[in-house]
Protein backbone atom coordinates (compact mmCIF):
# COMPACT_ATOMS: atom_id res chain seq x y z
CA MET A 1 -2.39 25.15 18.89
CA SER A 2 -0.64 22.68 16.60
CA SER A 3 -0.45 23.36 12.90
CA LYS A 4 -2.69 21.24 10.73
CA ILE A 5 -2.72 20.40 7.04
CA ARG A 6 -5.94 20.76 5.09
CA LYS A 7 -7.16 17.69 3.18
CA GLN A 8 -10.27 17.38 1.08
CA ILE A 9 -11.86 13.93 0.86
CA TYR A 10 -15.04 12.36 -0.46
CA ILE A 11 -17.12 10.15 1.80
CA GLU A 12 -20.25 8.11 1.28
CA PRO A 13 -23.63 9.52 2.37
CA HIS A 14 -23.96 6.93 5.16
CA GLN A 15 -20.51 7.94 6.42
CA GLU A 16 -21.60 11.57 6.50
CA HIS A 17 -24.63 10.65 8.62
CA LEU A 18 -22.55 8.59 11.06
CA LEU A 19 -19.83 11.23 11.24
CA LYS A 20 -22.31 13.96 12.14
CA ALA A 21 -24.03 11.77 14.73
CA ILE A 22 -20.80 10.68 16.43
CA ALA A 23 -19.39 14.22 16.46
CA GLN A 24 -22.57 15.57 18.01
CA GLN A 25 -22.71 12.82 20.64
CA ALA A 26 -19.03 13.27 21.52
CA GLY A 27 -19.26 17.06 21.51
CA VAL A 28 -16.32 17.43 19.13
CA SER A 29 -15.90 18.50 15.52
CA GLU A 30 -16.29 16.14 12.60
CA ALA A 31 -12.65 16.86 11.77
CA GLU A 32 -11.61 15.63 15.22
CA ILE A 33 -13.53 12.38 14.69
CA ILE A 34 -11.76 11.92 11.34
CA ARG A 35 -8.34 12.61 12.90
CA GLN A 36 -9.03 10.09 15.67
CA ALA A 37 -10.16 7.48 13.14
CA ILE A 38 -7.00 8.02 11.10
CA ASP A 39 -4.80 7.66 14.19
CA LEU A 40 -6.64 4.51 15.24
CA HIS A 41 -6.39 2.94 11.79
CA LEU A 42 -2.76 3.90 11.14
CA GLY A 43 -1.76 2.44 14.48
CA GLU A 44 -2.88 -0.98 13.22
CA ILE A 45 -0.91 -0.85 9.97
CA THR A 46 2.62 -2.20 9.81
CA ALA A 47 5.02 -1.39 7.03
CA PRO A 48 5.70 -4.26 4.64
CA GLN A 49 8.96 -6.04 5.33
CA THR A 50 11.44 -6.65 2.53
CA ASN A 51 12.64 -10.22 2.23
CA LEU A 52 16.28 -9.65 1.28
CA VAL A 53 16.90 -13.37 0.72
CA MET A 54 14.18 -13.48 -1.95
CA TRP A 55 15.45 -10.29 -3.60
CA GLU A 56 18.94 -11.79 -3.78
CA ALA A 57 17.52 -14.98 -5.33
CA GLU A 58 15.75 -12.90 -7.98
CA ARG A 59 18.93 -10.96 -8.69
CA GLU A 60 20.82 -14.22 -9.21
CA PHE A 61 18.08 -15.50 -11.52
CA ILE A 62 18.26 -12.32 -13.61
CA ASP A 63 22.05 -12.52 -13.75
CA GLN A 64 21.78 -16.13 -15.02
CA ILE A 65 19.40 -15.08 -17.78
CA LYS A 66 21.68 -12.21 -18.80
CA THR A 67 24.67 -14.53 -19.18
CA ARG A 68 22.90 -17.09 -21.41
CA PRO A 69 24.11 -17.13 -24.99
CA ALA A 70 21.86 -15.56 -27.57
CA GLN A 71 19.35 -17.98 -29.11
CA LEU A 72 18.54 -18.03 -32.78
CA GLY A 73 14.93 -16.95 -33.19
CA GLY A 74 14.64 -15.27 -29.81
CA ARG A 75 14.71 -16.14 -26.15
CA ASP A 76 14.63 -19.67 -24.75
CA TRP A 77 12.00 -18.97 -22.08
CA GLN A 78 8.39 -17.89 -22.02
CA ARG A 79 6.96 -15.07 -19.98
CA GLU A 80 4.76 -17.57 -18.10
CA ASP A 81 7.92 -19.34 -16.90
CA LEU A 82 8.70 -16.31 -14.78
CA TYR A 83 5.40 -16.64 -12.92
CA GLU A 84 6.18 -20.25 -12.00
CA ARG A 85 9.04 -19.10 -9.78
């Protein structure tokens, strides 16, 4: 028998009803139905991909800001300008 890790979760009442019904129909435990659902769902998820070109562009932008001369009265850009990029 494989080793398992115990997890405690909260589910909605309608999920509880469906879980019990499906487990009874399938002749397996509710935990087995949950494990199968997790496997099915995780199989559809792909890890996010890092766009290295964009990260390098952001690094260059930050380096440009760091090399600007100090401005009297504060910075020469607004926070909203960063969201326009």
